[in-house]
Amino acid sequence: MDDDARGTEPVEYADCVHCGEPTEHPESTKGTTLCPVCEWHEAQRTACSG
């Protein structure tokens, strides 16, 4: 039996601040949390803001 699997709490993921979808970041993450789709859109906006 895997000792690491016993007694661990499920991770609560933070909601995206733009669309409200679950993110890949735990709720304890500080700062703005974005879902993968919104992270991609944000990267596109900042990369092309020449």
PDB file of N, CA and C in Angstrom:
ATOM      1  N   MET A   1       0.842  -1.186   0.000  1.00  0.00           N
ATOM      2  CA  MET A   1       0.000   0.000   0.000  1.00  0.00           C
ATOM      3  C   MET A   1       0.882   1.243   0.000  1.00  0.00           C
ATOM      4  N   ASP A   2       0.449   2.275  -0.699  1.00  0.00           N
ATOM      5  CA  ASP A   2       1.212   3.512  -0.827  1.00  0.00           C
ATOM      6  C   ASP A   2       0.928   4.419   0.368  1.00  0.00           C
ATOM      7  N   ASP A   3       1.949   4.684   1.180  1.00  0.00           N
ATOM      8  CA  ASP A   3       1.770   5.519   2.361  1.00  0.00           C
ATOM      9  C   ASP A   3       1.414   6.952   2.007  1.00  0.00           C
ATOM     10  N   ASP A   4       1.874   7.439   0.848  1.00  0.00           N
ATOM     11  CA  ASP A   4       1.599   8.823   0.463  1.00  0.00           C
ATOM     12  C   ASP A   4       0.129   9.042   0.132  1.00  0.00           C
ATOM     13  N   ALA A   5      -0.577   8.008  -0.264  1.00  0.00           N
ATOM     14  CA  ALA A   5      -1.978   8.149  -0.664  1.00  0.00           C
ATOM     15  C   ALA A   5      -2.909   8.176   0.545  1.00  0.00           C
ATOM     16  N   ARG A   6      -2.460   7.702   1.680  1.00  0.00           N
ATOM     17  CA  ARG A   6      -3.322   7.681   2.862  1.00  0.00           C
ATOM     18  C   ARG A   6      -3.325   9.029   3.561  1.00  0.00           C
ATOM     19  N   GLY A   7      -4.520   9.448   3.986  1.00  0.00           N
ATOM     20  CA  GLY A   7      -4.628  10.638   4.805  1.00  0.00           C
ATOM     21  C   GLY A   7      -4.428  11.955   4.074  1.00  0.00           C
ATOM     22  N   THR A   8      -4.361  11.936   2.763  1.00  0.00           N
ATOM     23  CA  THR A   8      -4.194  13.195   2.041  1.00  0.00           C
ATOM     24  C   THR A   8      -5.561  13.785   1.724  1.00  0.00           C
ATOM     25  N   GLU A   9      -5.677  15.048   1.857  1.00  0.00           N
ATOM     26  CA  GLU A   9      -6.925  15.755   1.573  1.00  0.00           C
ATOM     27  C   GLU A   9      -7.002  16.060   0.083  1.00  0.00           C
ATOM     28  N   PRO A  10      -8.196  16.009  -0.490  1.00  0.00           N
ATOM     29  CA  PRO A  10      -8.313  16.408  -1.903  1.00  0.00           C
ATOM     30  C   PRO A  10      -8.019  17.898  -2.051  1.00  0.00           C
ATOM     31  N   VAL A  11      -7.402  18.249  -3.142  1.00  0.00           N
ATOM     32  CA  VAL A  11      -7.015  19.642  -3.379  1.00  0.00           C
ATOM     33  C   VAL A  11      -8.214  20.407  -3.926  1.00  0.00           C
ATOM     34  N   GLU A  12      -8.496  21.566  -3.343  1.00  0.00           N
ATOM     35  CA  GLU A  12      -9.533  22.461  -3.847  1.00  0.00           C
ATOM     36  C   GLU A  12      -8.866  23.428  -4.815  1.00  0.00           C
ATOM     37  N   TYR A  13      -9.354  23.478  -6.034  1.00  0.00           N
ATOM     38  CA  TYR A  13      -8.757  24.339  -7.042  1.00  0.00           C
ATOM     39  C   TYR A  13      -9.488  25.674  -7.110  1.00  0.00           C
ATOM     40  N   ALA A  14      -8.714  26.722  -7.342  1.00  0.00           N
ATOM     41  CA  ALA A  14      -9.266  28.067  -7.440  1.00  0.00           C
ATOM     42  C   ALA A  14     -10.034  28.227  -8.744  1.00  0.00           C
ATOM     43  N   ASP A  15     -11.011  29.116  -8.750  1.00  0.00           N
ATOM     44  CA  ASP A  15     -11.759  29.431  -9.965  1.00  0.00           C
ATOM     45  C   ASP A  15     -11.051  30.537 -10.728  1.00  0.00           C
ATOM     46  N   CYS A  16     -11.166  30.507 -12.029  1.00  0.00           N
ATOM     47  CA  CYS A  16     -10.590  31.526 -12.906  1.00  0.00           C
ATOM     48  C   CYS A  16     -11.256  32.867 -12.616  1.00  0.00           C
ATOM     49  N   VAL A  17     -10.467  33.920 -12.526  1.00  0.00           N
ATOM     50  CA  VAL A  17     -11.024  35.241 -12.240  1.00  0.00           C
ATOM     51  C   VAL A  17     -11.729  35.843 -13.445  1.00  0.00           C
ATOM     52  N   HIS A  18     -11.504  35.284 -14.651  1.00  0.00           N
ATOM     53  CA  HIS A  18     -12.171  35.799 -15.846  1.00  0.00           C
ATOM     54  C   HIS A  18     -13.473  35.068 -16.153  1.00  0.00           C
ATOM     55  N   CYS A  19     -13.419  33.732 -16.196  1.00  0.00           N
ATOM     56  CA  CYS A  19     -14.586  32.972 -16.652  1.00  0.00           C
ATOM     57  C   CYS A  19     -15.222  32.108 -15.567  1.00  0.00           C
ATOM     58  N   GLY A  20     -14.555  31.915 -14.431  1.00  0.00           N
ATOM     59  CA  GLY A  20     -15.117  31.131 -13.344  1.00  0.00           C
ATOM     60  C   GLY A  20     -14.882  29.637 -13.446  1.00  0.00           C
ATOM     61  N   GLU A  21     -14.215  29.172 -14.497  1.00  0.00           N
ATOM     62  CA  GLU A  21     -13.915  27.746 -14.644  1.00  0.00           C
ATOM     63  C   GLU A  21     -12.810  27.356 -13.660  1.00  0.00           C
ATOM     64  N   PRO A  22     -12.738  26.081 -13.259  1.00  0.00           N
ATOM     65  CA  PRO A  22     -11.665  25.647 -12.364  1.00  0.00           C
ATOM     66  C   PRO A  22     -10.296  25.819 -13.018  1.00  0.00           C
ATOM     67  N   THR A  23      -9.310  26.151 -12.212  1.00  0.00           N
ATOM     68  CA  THR A  23      -7.946  26.324 -12.715  1.00  0.00           C
ATOM     69  C   THR A  23      -7.115  25.114 -12.327  1.00  0.00           C
ATOM     70  N   GLU A  24      -5.842  25.140 -12.675  1.00  0.00           N
ATOM     71  CA  GLU A  24      -4.907  24.096 -12.272  1.00  0.00           C
ATOM     72  C   GLU A  24      -4.176  24.496 -10.999  1.00  0.00           C
ATOM     73  N   HIS A  25      -4.594  25.594 -10.365  1.00  0.00           N
ATOM     74  CA  HIS A  25      -3.921  26.127  -9.191  1.00  0.00           C
ATOM     75  C   HIS A  25      -4.756  25.881  -7.936  1.00  0.00           C
ATOM     76  N   PRO A  26      -4.134  25.498  -6.821  1.00  0.00           N
ATOM     77  CA  PRO A  26      -4.884  25.329  -5.579  1.00  0.00           C
ATOM     78  C   PRO A  26      -5.447  26.663  -5.099  1.00  0.00           C
ATOM     79  N   GLU A  27      -6.515  26.597  -4.294  1.00  0.00           N
ATOM     80  CA  GLU A  27      -7.125  27.828  -3.775  1.00  0.00           C
ATOM     81  C   GLU A  27      -6.151  28.664  -2.955  1.00  0.00           C
ATOM     82  N   SER A  28      -5.122  28.030  -2.399  1.00  0.00           N
ATOM     83  CA  SER A  28      -4.154  28.753  -1.577  1.00  0.00           C
ATOM     84  C   SER A  28      -3.196  29.605  -2.408  1.00  0.00           C
ATOM     85  N   THR A  29      -3.243  29.499  -3.745  1.00  0.00           N
ATOM     86  CA  THR A  29      -2.367  30.275  -4.617  1.00  0.00           C
ATOM     87  C   THR A  29      -2.714  31.754  -4.506  1.00  0.00           C
ATOM     88  N   LYS A  30      -1.700  32.563  -4.283  1.00  0.00           N
ATOM     89  CA  LYS A  30      -1.918  34.005  -4.176  1.00  0.00           C
ATOM     90  C   LYS A  30      -1.853  34.634  -5.559  1.00  0.00           C
ATOM     91  N   GLY A  31      -2.569  35.722  -5.734  1.00  0.00           N
ATOM     92  CA  GLY A  31      -2.543  36.437  -6.995  1.00  0.00           C
ATOM     93  C   GLY A  31      -3.690  36.020  -7.903  1.00  0.00           C
ATOM     94  N   THR A  32      -3.637  36.483  -9.120  1.00  0.00           N
ATOM     95  CA  THR A  32      -4.676  36.216 -10.106  1.00  0.00           C
ATOM     96  C   THR A  32      -4.533  34.798 -10.631  1.00  0.00           C
ATOM     97  N   THR A  33      -5.606  34.025 -10.536  1.00  0.00           N
ATOM     98  CA  THR A  33      -5.588  32.661 -11.060  1.00  0.00           C
ATOM     99  C   THR A  33      -6.446  32.590 -12.318  1.00  0.00           C
ATOM    100  N   LEU A  34      -5.889  31.994 -13.356  1.00  0.00           N
ATOM    101  CA  LEU A  34      -6.579  31.859 -14.631  1.00  0.00           C
ATOM    102  C   LEU A  34      -6.634  30.392 -15.036  1.00  0.00           C
ATOM    103  N   CYS A  35      -7.708  30.012 -15.737  1.00  0.00           N
ATOM    104  CA  CYS A  35      -7.789  28.662 -16.283  1.00  0.00           C
ATOM    105  C   CYS A  35      -6.839  28.580 -17.482  1.00  0.00           C
ATOM    106  N   PRO A  36      -6.548  27.372 -17.961  1.00  0.00           N
ATOM    107  CA  PRO A  36      -5.607  27.244 -19.091  1.00  0.00           C
ATOM    108  C   PRO A  36      -6.027  28.046 -20.329  1.00  0.00           C
ATOM    109  N   VAL A  37      -7.314  28.102 -20.621  1.00  0.00           N
ATOM    110  CA  VAL A  37      -7.780  28.841 -21.801  1.00  0.00           C
ATOM    111  C   VAL A  37      -7.542  30.340 -21.625  1.00  0.00           C
ATOM    112  N   CYS A  38      -7.916  30.877 -20.471  1.00  0.00           N
ATOM    113  CA  CYS A  38      -7.712  32.310 -20.230  1.00  0.00           C
ATOM    114  C   CYS A  38      -6.232  32.653 -20.118  1.00  0.00           C
ATOM    115  N   GLU A  39      -5.407  31.739 -19.577  1.00  0.00           N
ATOM    116  CA  GLU A  39      -3.960  31.968 -19.547  1.00  0.00           C
ATOM    117  C   GLU A  39      -3.424  32.093 -20.964  1.00  0.00           C
ATOM    118  N   TRP A  40      -3.895  31.233 -21.859  1.00  0.00           N
ATOM    119  CA  TRP A  40      -3.453  31.264 -23.251  1.00  0.00           C
ATOM    120  C   TRP A  40      -3.880  32.580 -23.911  1.00  0.00           C
ATOM    121  N   HIS A  41      -5.137  32.987 -23.700  1.00  0.00           N
ATOM    122  CA  HIS A  41      -5.612  34.244 -24.281  1.00  0.00           C
ATOM    123  C   HIS A  41      -4.830  35.441 -23.738  1.00  0.00           C
ATOM    124  N   GLU A  42      -4.548  35.427 -22.455  1.00  0.00           N
ATOM    125  CA  GLU A  42      -3.779  36.514 -21.838  1.00  0.00           C
ATOM    126  C   GLU A  42      -2.373  36.569 -22.431  1.00  0.00           C
ATOM    127  N   ALA A  43      -1.750  35.415 -22.643  1.00  0.00           N
ATOM    128  CA  ALA A  43      -0.414  35.380 -23.239  1.00  0.00           C
ATOM    129  C   ALA A  43      -0.445  35.921 -24.668  1.00  0.00           C
ATOM    130  N   GLN A  44      -1.494  35.605 -25.414  1.00  0.00           N
ATOM    131  CA  GLN A  44      -1.622  36.120 -26.784  1.00  0.00           C
ATOM    132  C   GLN A  44      -1.777  37.642 -26.787  1.00  0.00           C
ATOM    133  N   ARG A  45      -2.571  38.161 -25.859  1.00  0.00           N
ATOM    134  CA  ARG A  45      -2.779  39.620 -25.795  1.00  0.00           C
ATOM    135  C   ARG A  45      -1.494  40.348 -25.455  1.00  0.00           C
ATOM    136  N   THR A  46      -0.751  39.821 -24.481  1.00  0.00           N
ATOM    137  CA  THR A  46       0.457  40.528 -24.067  1.00  0.00           C
ATOM    138  C   THR A  46       1.589  40.354 -25.082  1.00  0.00           C
ATOM    139  N   ALA A  47       1.626  39.240 -25.800  1.00  0.00           N
ATOM    140  CA  ALA A  47       2.684  39.008 -26.783  1.00  0.00           C
ATOM    141  C   ALA A  47       2.526  39.908 -27.995  1.00  0.00           C
ATOM    142  N   CYS A  48       1.317  40.287 -28.340  1.00  0.00           N
ATOM    143  CA  CYS A  48       1.056  41.056 -29.548  1.00  0.00           C
ATOM    144  C   CYS A  48       0.732  42.512 -29.248  1.00  0.00           C
ATOM    145  N   SER A  49       1.078  42.978 -28.059  1.00  0.00           N
ATOM    146  CA  SER A  49       0.721  44.357 -27.703  1.00  0.00           C
ATOM    147  C   SER A  49       1.857  45.314 -28.007  1.00  0.00           C
ATOM    148  N   GLY A  50       2.472  45.151 -29.147  1.00  0.00           N
ATOM    149  CA  GLY A  50       3.637  45.903 -29.554  1.00  0.00           C
ATOM    150  C   GLY A  50       3.438  47.322 -29.689  1.00  0.00           C
TER     151      GLY A  50
END
